[in-house]
Protein backbone atom coordinates (compact mmCIF):
# COMPACT_ATOMS: atom_id res chain seq x y z
CA UNK A 1 0.00 0.00 0.00
CA UNK A 2 2.82 2.41 0.86
CA UNK A 3 4.51 1.66 -2.46
CA UNK A 4 1.29 2.44 -4.35
CA UNK A 5 0.93 5.75 -2.52
CA UNK A 6 4.52 6.64 -3.32
CA UNK A 7 4.06 5.78 -7.00
CA UNK A 8 0.79 7.73 -7.27
CA UNK A 9 2.16 10.66 -5.27
CA UNK A 10 5.14 11.16 -7.59
CA UNK A 11 7.04 12.33 -9.45
CA UNK A 12 9.37 13.42 -6.71
CA UNK A 13 12.19 15.88 -7.23
CA UNK A 14 14.82 13.70 -5.57
CA UNK A 15 15.36 10.83 -3.16
CA UNK A 16 14.97 13.03 -0.08
CA UNK A 17 11.38 13.84 -1.06
CA UNK A 18 10.62 10.14 -1.58
CA UNK A 19 12.10 9.32 1.85
CA UNK A 20 10.06 12.07 3.51
CA UNK A 21 6.82 10.93 1.84
CA UNK A 22 7.44 7.25 2.66
CA UNK A 23 8.16 8.15 6.29
CA UNK A 24 4.82 9.93 6.53
CA UNK A 25 2.97 7.02 4.95
CA UNK A 26 4.65 4.43 7.17
CA UNK A 27 3.82 6.49 10.25
CA UNK A 28 0.17 6.91 9.31
CA UNK A 29 -0.45 3.42 7.96
CA UNK A 30 1.80 1.21 10.10
CA UNK A 31 3.11 2.74 13.30
CA UNK A 32 0.02 4.71 14.33
CA UNK A 33 -2.40 1.73 14.05
CA UNK A 34 0.10 -0.56 15.81
CA UNK A 35 0.49 1.94 18.65
CA UNK A 36 -3.29 2.22 19.02
CA UNK A 37 -3.64 -1.59 19.16
CA UNK A 38 -0.98 -1.89 21.86
CA UNK A 39 -2.35 0.99 23.94
CA UNK A 40 -5.88 -0.50 23.93
CA UNK A 41 -4.72 -3.68 25.68
CA UNK A 42 -5.04 -3.75 29.49
CA UNK A 43 -1.85 -3.12 31.44
CA UNK A 44 -1.80 -6.32 33.49
CA UNK A 45 0.41 -9.31 34.03
CA UNK A 46 3.10 -10.71 36.30
CA UNK A 47 6.50 -9.05 36.68
CA UNK A 48 9.79 -10.21 38.18
CA UNK A 49 9.99 -9.48 41.93
CA UNK A 50 12.89 -7.04 41.53
CA UNK A 51 10.91 -4.96 39.04
CA UNK A 52 7.74 -5.13 41.13
CA UNK A 53 9.68 -3.75 44.13
CA UNK A 54 11.13 -0.95 42.01
CA UNK A 55 7.80 0.31 40.74
CA UNK A 56 5.86 -0.13 43.99
CA UNK A 57 5.69 3.66 44.49
CA UNK A 58 4.19 4.29 41.04
CA UNK A 59 0.45 5.06 40.79
CA UNK A 60 -1.75 2.02 40.15
CA UNK A 61 -2.99 3.30 36.79
CA UNK A 62 0.62 3.31 35.57
CA UNK A 63 1.72 0.03 37.19
CA UNK A 64 -1.22 -2.03 36.01
CA UNK A 65 -2.58 -5.03 37.89
CA UNK A 66 -0.83 -8.23 38.84
CA UNK A 67 -2.21 -11.51 37.54
CA UNK A 68 -1.28 -14.91 39.01
CA UNK A 69 0.76 -17.02 36.55
CA UNK A 70 -0.91 -15.68 33.43
CA UNK A 71 -4.52 -16.43 34.35
CA UNK A 72 -6.91 -13.61 33.70
CA UNK A 73 -10.32 -12.79 35.03
CA UNK A 74 -13.32 -13.14 32.73
CA UNK A 75 -13.93 -9.38 32.76
CA UNK A 76 -10.40 -8.51 31.65
CA UNK A 77 -10.44 -11.29 29.06
CA UNK A 78 -13.63 -9.90 27.51
CA UNK A 79 -12.17 -6.38 27.29
CA UNK A 80 -9.38 -7.50 24.94
CA UNK A 81 -11.68 -8.96 22.29
PDB file of N, CA and C in Angstrom:
ATOM      1  N   UNK A   1       0.822  -1.186   0.000  1.00  0.00           N
ATOM      2  CA  UNK A   1       0.000   0.000   0.000  1.00  0.00           C
ATOM      3  C   UNK A   1       0.873   1.260   0.000  1.00  0.00           C
ATOM      4  N   UNK A   2       1.924   1.253   0.801  1.00  0.00           N
ATOM      5  CA  UNK A   2       2.816   2.411   0.857  1.00  0.00           C
ATOM      6  C   UNK A   2       3.477   2.624  -0.492  1.00  0.00           C
ATOM      7  N   UNK A   3       3.864   1.537  -1.151  1.00  0.00           N
ATOM      8  CA  UNK A   3       4.507   1.655  -2.463  1.00  0.00           C
ATOM      9  C   UNK A   3       3.543   2.280  -3.470  1.00  0.00           C
ATOM     10  N   UNK A   4       2.276   1.869  -3.431  1.00  0.00           N
ATOM     11  CA  UNK A   4       1.290   2.445  -4.347  1.00  0.00           C
ATOM     12  C   UNK A   4       1.104   3.933  -4.086  1.00  0.00           C
ATOM     13  N   UNK A   5       1.068   4.330  -2.827  1.00  0.00           N
ATOM     14  CA  UNK A   5       0.934   5.750  -2.516  1.00  0.00           C
ATOM     15  C   UNK A   5       2.142   6.539  -2.995  1.00  0.00           C
ATOM     16  N   UNK A   6       3.319   5.951  -2.857  1.00  0.00           N
ATOM     17  CA  UNK A   6       4.524   6.639  -3.321  1.00  0.00           C
ATOM     18  C   UNK A   6       4.537   6.778  -4.842  1.00  0.00           C
ATOM     19  N   UNK A   7       4.084   5.737  -5.539  1.00  0.00           N
ATOM     20  CA  UNK A   7       4.055   5.784  -7.003  1.00  0.00           C
ATOM     21  C   UNK A   7       3.026   6.808  -7.475  1.00  0.00           C
ATOM     22  N   UNK A   8       1.843   6.788  -6.877  1.00  0.00           N
ATOM     23  CA  UNK A   8       0.792   7.727  -7.271  1.00  0.00           C
ATOM     24  C   UNK A   8       1.121   9.160  -6.870  1.00  0.00           C
ATOM     25  N   UNK A   9       1.840   9.328  -5.776  1.00  0.00           N
ATOM     26  CA  UNK A   9       2.156  10.659  -5.275  1.00  0.00           C
ATOM     27  C   UNK A   9       3.254  11.351  -6.047  1.00  0.00           C
ATOM     28  N   UNK A  10       3.984  10.616  -6.873  1.00  0.00           N
ATOM     29  CA  UNK A  10       5.138  11.159  -7.590  1.00  0.00           C
ATOM     30  C   UNK A  10       4.718  12.039  -8.742  1.00  0.00           C
ATOM     31  N   UNK A  11       5.595  12.523  -9.525  1.00  0.00           N
ATOM     32  CA  UNK A  11       7.042  12.333  -9.453  1.00  0.00           C
ATOM     33  C   UNK A  11       7.665  13.216  -8.375  1.00  0.00           C
ATOM     34  N   UNK A  12       8.675  12.695  -7.768  1.00  0.00           N
ATOM     35  CA  UNK A  12       9.371  13.418  -6.711  1.00  0.00           C
ATOM     36  C   UNK A  12      10.646  14.028  -7.279  1.00  0.00           C
ATOM     37  N   UNK A  13      11.022  15.158  -6.726  1.00  0.00           N
ATOM     38  CA  UNK A  13      12.194  15.882  -7.228  1.00  0.00           C
ATOM     39  C   UNK A  13      13.483  15.092  -7.019  1.00  0.00           C
ATOM     40  N   UNK A  14      13.614  14.478  -5.857  1.00  0.00           N
ATOM     41  CA  UNK A  14      14.823  13.701  -5.572  1.00  0.00           C
ATOM     42  C   UNK A  14      14.518  12.661  -4.497  1.00  0.00           C
ATOM     43  N   UNK A  15      15.542  11.915  -4.129  1.00  0.00           N
ATOM     44  CA  UNK A  15      15.362  10.826  -3.165  1.00  0.00           C
ATOM     45  C   UNK A  15      14.928  11.330  -1.789  1.00  0.00           C
ATOM     46  N   UNK A  16      15.352  12.515  -1.401  1.00  0.00           N
ATOM     47  CA  UNK A  16      14.971  13.026  -0.076  1.00  0.00           C
ATOM     48  C   UNK A  16      13.464  13.253   0.020  1.00  0.00           C
ATOM     49  N   UNK A  17      12.829  13.658  -1.069  1.00  0.00           N
ATOM     50  CA  UNK A  17      11.376  13.836  -1.061  1.00  0.00           C
ATOM     51  C   UNK A  17      10.649  12.491  -0.987  1.00  0.00           C
ATOM     52  N   UNK A  18      11.193  11.489  -1.653  1.00  0.00           N
ATOM     53  CA  UNK A  18      10.617  10.139  -1.576  1.00  0.00           C
ATOM     54  C   UNK A  18      10.730   9.607  -0.152  1.00  0.00           C
ATOM     55  N   UNK A  19      11.892   9.800   0.477  1.00  0.00           N
ATOM     56  CA  UNK A  19      12.098   9.324   1.845  1.00  0.00           C
ATOM     57  C   UNK A  19      11.158  10.028   2.813  1.00  0.00           C
ATOM     58  N   UNK A  20      10.960  11.317   2.641  1.00  0.00           N
ATOM     59  CA  UNK A  20      10.056  12.068   3.505  1.00  0.00           C
ATOM     60  C   UNK A  20       8.614  11.591   3.338  1.00  0.00           C
ATOM     61  N   UNK A  21       8.181  11.399   2.099  1.00  0.00           N
ATOM     62  CA  UNK A  21       6.822  10.927   1.843  1.00  0.00           C
ATOM     63  C   UNK A  21       6.623   9.516   2.383  1.00  0.00           C
ATOM     64  N   UNK A  22       7.602   8.628   2.172  1.00  0.00           N
ATOM     65  CA  UNK A  22       7.441   7.255   2.660  1.00  0.00           C
ATOM     66  C   UNK A  22       7.430   7.220   4.182  1.00  0.00           C
ATOM     67  N   UNK A  23       8.190   8.073   4.829  1.00  0.00           N
ATOM     68  CA  UNK A  23       8.159   8.146   6.291  1.00  0.00           C
ATOM     69  C   UNK A  23       6.795   8.554   6.806  1.00  0.00           C
ATOM     70  N   UNK A  24       6.181   9.501   6.140  1.00  0.00           N
ATOM     71  CA  UNK A  24       4.825   9.928   6.535  1.00  0.00           C
ATOM     72  C   UNK A  24       3.825   8.793   6.352  1.00  0.00           C
ATOM     73  N   UNK A  25       3.904   8.116   5.210  1.00  0.00           N
ATOM     74  CA  UNK A  25       2.965   7.023   4.950  1.00  0.00           C
ATOM     75  C   UNK A  25       3.158   5.863   5.925  1.00  0.00           C
ATOM     76  N   UNK A  26       4.396   5.508   6.206  1.00  0.00           N
ATOM     77  CA  UNK A  26       4.649   4.433   7.166  1.00  0.00           C
ATOM     78  C   UNK A  26       4.130   4.809   8.544  1.00  0.00           C
ATOM     79  N   UNK A  27       4.314   6.058   8.942  1.00  0.00           N
ATOM     80  CA  UNK A  27       3.825   6.495  10.251  1.00  0.00           C
ATOM     81  C   UNK A  27       2.311   6.407  10.315  1.00  0.00           C
ATOM     82  N   UNK A  28       1.635   6.902   9.304  1.00  0.00           N
ATOM     83  CA  UNK A  28       0.175   6.909   9.308  1.00  0.00           C
ATOM     84  C   UNK A  28      -0.437   5.526   9.131  1.00  0.00           C
ATOM     85  N   UNK A  29       0.172   4.692   8.311  1.00  0.00           N
ATOM     86  CA  UNK A  29      -0.452   3.417   7.958  1.00  0.00           C
ATOM     87  C   UNK A  29       0.081   2.213   8.722  1.00  0.00           C
ATOM     88  N   UNK A  30       1.220   2.354   9.401  1.00  0.00           N
ATOM     89  CA  UNK A  30       1.802   1.213  10.096  1.00  0.00           C
ATOM     90  C   UNK A  30       1.987   1.490  11.586  1.00  0.00           C
ATOM     91  N   UNK A  31       2.763   2.500  11.905  1.00  0.00           N
ATOM     92  CA  UNK A  31       3.109   2.737  13.305  1.00  0.00           C
ATOM     93  C   UNK A  31       1.937   3.269  14.126  1.00  0.00           C
ATOM     94  N   UNK A  32       1.149   4.170  13.587  1.00  0.00           N
ATOM     95  CA  UNK A  32       0.018   4.711  14.334  1.00  0.00           C
ATOM     96  C   UNK A  32      -1.022   3.630  14.657  1.00  0.00           C
ATOM     97  N   UNK A  33      -1.465   2.810  13.692  1.00  0.00           N
ATOM     98  CA  UNK A  33      -2.400   1.735  14.047  1.00  0.00           C
ATOM     99  C   UNK A  33      -1.809   0.719  15.026  1.00  0.00           C
ATOM    100  N   UNK A  34      -0.528   0.388  14.877  1.00  0.00           N
ATOM    101  CA  UNK A  34       0.096  -0.562  15.805  1.00  0.00           C
ATOM    102  C   UNK A  34       0.149   0.014  17.216  1.00  0.00           C
ATOM    103  N   UNK A  35       0.461   1.289  17.342  1.00  0.00           N
ATOM    104  CA  UNK A  35       0.487   1.937  18.654  1.00  0.00           C
ATOM    105  C   UNK A  35      -0.897   1.939  19.278  1.00  0.00           C
ATOM    106  N   UNK A  36      -1.917   2.222  18.502  1.00  0.00           N
ATOM    107  CA  UNK A  36      -3.288   2.221  19.017  1.00  0.00           C
ATOM    108  C   UNK A  36      -3.676   0.825  19.495  1.00  0.00           C
ATOM    109  N   UNK A  37      -3.316  -0.221  18.743  1.00  0.00           N
ATOM    110  CA  UNK A  37      -3.643  -1.589  19.162  1.00  0.00           C
ATOM    111  C   UNK A  37      -2.964  -1.951  20.476  1.00  0.00           C
ATOM    112  N   UNK A  38      -1.707  -1.574  20.629  1.00  0.00           N
ATOM    113  CA  UNK A  38      -0.979  -1.885  21.861  1.00  0.00           C
ATOM    114  C   UNK A  38      -1.553  -1.107  23.036  1.00  0.00           C
ATOM    115  N   UNK A  39      -1.864   0.159  22.845  1.00  0.00           N
ATOM    116  CA  UNK A  39      -2.353   0.993  23.940  1.00  0.00           C
ATOM    117  C   UNK A  39      -3.760   0.598  24.393  1.00  0.00           C
ATOM    118  N   UNK A  40      -4.531  -0.073  23.548  1.00  0.00           N
ATOM    119  CA  UNK A  40      -5.882  -0.500  23.929  1.00  0.00           C
ATOM    120  C   UNK A  40      -5.884  -1.732  24.825  1.00  0.00           C
ATOM    121  N   UNK A  41      -4.787  -2.477  24.845  1.00  0.00           N
ATOM    122  CA  UNK A  41      -4.719  -3.678  25.682  1.00  0.00           C
ATOM    123  C   UNK A  41      -4.591  -3.287  27.146  1.00  0.00           C
ATOM    124  N   UNK A  42      -5.175  -4.065  28.063  1.00  0.00           N
ATOM    125  CA  UNK A  42      -5.041  -3.753  29.489  1.00  0.00           C
ATOM    126  C   UNK A  42      -3.602  -3.926  29.959  1.00  0.00           C
ATOM    127  N   UNK A  43      -3.209  -3.095  30.894  1.00  0.00           N
ATOM    128  CA  UNK A  43      -1.854  -3.123  31.437  1.00  0.00           C
ATOM    129  C   UNK A  43      -1.853  -4.051  32.649  1.00  0.00           C
ATOM    130  N   UNK A  44      -1.784  -5.352  32.398  1.00  0.00           N
ATOM    131  CA  UNK A  44      -1.805  -6.316  33.490  1.00  0.00           C
ATOM    132  C   UNK A  44      -0.872  -7.475  33.169  1.00  0.00           C
ATOM    133  N   UNK A  45      -0.467  -8.172  34.210  1.00  0.00           N
ATOM    134  CA  UNK A  45       0.411  -9.314  34.033  1.00  0.00           C
ATOM    135  C   UNK A  45       1.414  -9.409  35.161  1.00  0.00           C
ATOM    136  N   UNK A  46       2.131 -10.517  35.221  1.00  0.00           N
ATOM    137  CA  UNK A  46       3.105 -10.708  36.295  1.00  0.00           C
ATOM    138  C   UNK A  46       4.452 -10.130  35.889  1.00  0.00           C
ATOM    139  N   UNK A  47       5.178  -9.633  36.880  1.00  0.00           N
ATOM    140  CA  UNK A  47       6.504  -9.053  36.681  1.00  0.00           C
ATOM    141  C   UNK A  47       7.499  -9.756  37.580  1.00  0.00           C
ATOM    142  N   UNK A  48       8.774  -9.693  37.255  1.00  0.00           N
ATOM    143  CA  UNK A  48       9.788 -10.210  38.178  1.00  0.00           C
ATOM    144  C   UNK A  48       9.737  -9.430  39.498  1.00  0.00           C
ATOM    145  N   UNK A  49      10.085 -10.101  40.599  1.00  0.00           N
ATOM    146  CA  UNK A  49       9.993  -9.485  41.930  1.00  0.00           C
ATOM    147  C   UNK A  49      10.839  -8.222  42.034  1.00  0.00           C
ATOM    148  N   UNK A  50      12.036  -8.217  41.422  1.00  0.00           N
ATOM    149  CA  UNK A  50      12.894  -7.038  41.527  1.00  0.00           C
ATOM    150  C   UNK A  50      12.268  -5.831  40.841  1.00  0.00           C
ATOM    151  N   UNK A  51      11.560  -6.064  39.738  1.00  0.00           N
ATOM    152  CA  UNK A  51      10.914  -4.964  39.040  1.00  0.00           C
ATOM    153  C   UNK A  51       9.666  -4.507  39.787  1.00  0.00           C
ATOM    154  N   UNK A  52       8.928  -5.456  40.341  1.00  0.00           N
ATOM    155  CA  UNK A  52       7.739  -5.131  41.132  1.00  0.00           C
ATOM    156  C   UNK A  52       8.113  -4.250  42.320  1.00  0.00           C
ATOM    157  N   UNK A  53       9.229  -4.559  42.985  1.00  0.00           N
ATOM    158  CA  UNK A  53       9.677  -3.753  44.127  1.00  0.00           C
ATOM    159  C   UNK A  53      10.091  -2.353  43.685  1.00  0.00           C
ATOM    160  N   UNK A  54      10.679  -2.256  42.506  1.00  0.00           N
ATOM    161  CA  UNK A  54      11.133  -0.951  42.011  1.00  0.00           C
ATOM    162  C   UNK A  54       9.998  -0.011  41.665  1.00  0.00           C
ATOM    163  N   UNK A  55       8.904  -0.550  41.168  1.00  0.00           N
ATOM    164  CA  UNK A  55       7.797   0.306  40.740  1.00  0.00           C
ATOM    165  C   UNK A  55       6.665   0.366  41.758  1.00  0.00           C
ATOM    166  N   UNK A  56       6.902  -0.101  42.962  1.00  0.00           N
ATOM    167  CA  UNK A  56       5.856  -0.130  43.987  1.00  0.00           C
ATOM    168  C   UNK A  56       5.316   1.260  44.300  1.00  0.00           C
ATOM    169  N   UNK A  57       6.127   2.298  44.169  1.00  0.00           N
ATOM    170  CA  UNK A  57       5.689   3.657  44.491  1.00  0.00           C
ATOM    171  C   UNK A  57       4.922   4.319  43.339  1.00  0.00           C
ATOM    172  N   UNK A  58       4.893   3.705  42.179  1.00  0.00           N
ATOM    173  CA  UNK A  58       4.194   4.290  41.040  1.00  0.00           C
ATOM    174  C   UNK A  58       2.688   4.239  41.266  1.00  0.00           C
ATOM    175  N   UNK A  59       1.913   5.127  40.667  1.00  0.00           N
ATOM    176  CA  UNK A  59       0.449   5.057  40.787  1.00  0.00           C
ATOM    177  C   UNK A  59      -0.087   3.784  40.122  1.00  0.00           C
ATOM    178  N   UNK A  60      -1.200   3.291  40.636  1.00  0.00           N
ATOM    179  CA  UNK A  60      -1.747   2.019  40.151  1.00  0.00           C
ATOM    180  C   UNK A  60      -2.116   2.068  38.662  1.00  0.00           C
ATOM    181  N   UNK A  61      -2.605   3.206  38.198  1.00  0.00           N
ATOM    182  CA  UNK A  61      -2.986   3.299  36.788  1.00  0.00           C
ATOM    183  C   UNK A  61      -1.779   3.118  35.872  1.00  0.00           C
ATOM    184  N   UNK A  62      -0.591   3.453  36.365  1.00  0.00           N
ATOM    185  CA  UNK A  62       0.615   3.314  35.566  1.00  0.00           C
ATOM    186  C   UNK A  62       1.236   1.926  35.720  1.00  0.00           C
ATOM    187  N   UNK A  63       1.144   1.362  36.920  1.00  0.00           N
ATOM    188  CA  UNK A  63       1.717   0.035  37.194  1.00  0.00           C
ATOM    189  C   UNK A  63       0.928  -1.069  36.537  1.00  0.00           C
ATOM    190  N   UNK A  64      -0.379  -0.949  36.496  1.00  0.00           N
ATOM    191  CA  UNK A  64      -1.222  -2.031  36.013  1.00  0.00           C
ATOM    192  C   UNK A  64      -1.589  -2.947  37.168  1.00  0.00           C
ATOM    193  N   UNK A  65      -2.187  -4.088  36.856  1.00  0.00           N
ATOM    194  CA  UNK A  65      -2.579  -5.032  37.894  1.00  0.00           C
ATOM    195  C   UNK A  65      -1.789  -6.315  37.737  1.00  0.00           C
ATOM    196  N   UNK A  66      -1.568  -6.976  38.837  1.00  0.00           N
ATOM    197  CA  UNK A  66      -0.826  -8.227  38.838  1.00  0.00           C
ATOM    198  C   UNK A  66      -1.790  -9.381  38.625  1.00  0.00           C
ATOM    199  N   UNK A  67      -1.384 -10.336  37.827  1.00  0.00           N
ATOM    200  CA  UNK A  67      -2.209 -11.506  37.543  1.00  0.00           C
ATOM    201  C   UNK A  67      -1.388 -12.736  37.888  1.00  0.00           C
ATOM    202  N   UNK A  68      -1.985 -13.702  38.589  1.00  0.00           N
ATOM    203  CA  UNK A  68      -1.280 -14.913  39.006  1.00  0.00           C
ATOM    204  C   UNK A  68      -0.998 -15.824  37.825  1.00  0.00           C
ATOM    205  N   UNK A  69       0.241 -16.053  37.542  1.00  0.00           N
ATOM    206  CA  UNK A  69       0.756 -17.015  36.548  1.00  0.00           C
ATOM    207  C   UNK A  69       0.017 -16.989  35.213  1.00  0.00           C
ATOM    208  N   UNK A  70      -0.326 -15.804  34.751  1.00  0.00           N
ATOM    209  CA  UNK A  70      -0.907 -15.676  33.426  1.00  0.00           C
ATOM    210  C   UNK A  70      -2.398 -15.910  33.337  1.00  0.00           C
ATOM    211  N   UNK A  71      -3.077 -16.264  34.422  1.00  0.00           N
ATOM    212  CA  UNK A  71      -4.523 -16.432  34.352  1.00  0.00           C
ATOM    213  C   UNK A  71      -5.167 -15.068  34.455  1.00  0.00           C
ATOM    214  N   UNK A  72      -6.251 -14.910  33.719  1.00  0.00           N
ATOM    215  CA  UNK A  72      -6.911 -13.614  33.699  1.00  0.00           C
ATOM    216  C   UNK A  72      -8.359 -13.785  34.090  1.00  0.00           C
ATOM    217  N   UNK A  73      -8.914 -12.734  34.654  1.00  0.00           N
ATOM    218  CA  UNK A  73     -10.318 -12.791  35.030  1.00  0.00           C
ATOM    219  C   UNK A  73     -11.179 -12.729  33.770  1.00  0.00           C
ATOM    220  N   UNK A  74     -12.414 -13.147  33.882  1.00  0.00           N
ATOM    221  CA  UNK A  74     -13.315 -13.143  32.733  1.00  0.00           C
ATOM    222  C   UNK A  74     -13.567 -11.724  32.243  1.00  0.00           C
ATOM    223  N   UNK A  75     -13.666 -10.771  33.152  1.00  0.00           N
ATOM    224  CA  UNK A  75     -13.926  -9.384  32.759  1.00  0.00           C
ATOM    225  C   UNK A  75     -12.767  -8.813  31.959  1.00  0.00           C
ATOM    226  N   UNK A  76     -11.542  -9.051  32.392  1.00  0.00           N
ATOM    227  CA  UNK A  76     -10.404  -8.506  31.650  1.00  0.00           C
ATOM    228  C   UNK A  76     -10.207  -9.245  30.338  1.00  0.00           C
ATOM    229  N   UNK A  77     -10.570 -10.530  30.297  1.00  0.00           N
ATOM    230  CA  UNK A  77     -10.440 -11.292  29.058  1.00  0.00           C
ATOM    231  C   UNK A  77     -11.424 -10.772  28.014  1.00  0.00           C
ATOM    232  N   UNK A  78     -12.631 -10.419  28.432  1.00  0.00           N
ATOM    233  CA  UNK A  78     -13.629  -9.904  27.510  1.00  0.00           C
ATOM    234  C   UNK A  78     -13.229  -8.547  26.952  1.00  0.00           C
ATOM    235  N   UNK A  79     -12.511  -7.732  27.733  1.00  0.00           N
ATOM    236  CA  UNK A  79     -12.173  -6.381  27.289  1.00  0.00           C
ATOM    237  C   UNK A  79     -11.134  -6.376  26.183  1.00  0.00           C
ATOM    238  N   UNK A  80     -10.415  -7.471  25.975  1.00  0.00           N
ATOM    239  CA  UNK A  80      -9.384  -7.497  24.939  1.00  0.00           C
ATOM    240  C   UNK A  80      -9.905  -8.015  23.612  1.00  0.00           C
ATOM    241  N   UNK A  81     -11.125  -8.435  23.556  1.00  0.00           N
ATOM    242  CA  UNK A  81     -11.677  -8.957  22.295  1.00  0.00           C
ATOM    243  C   UNK A  81     -12.320  -7.875  21.491  1.00  0.00           C
TER     244      UNK A  81
END
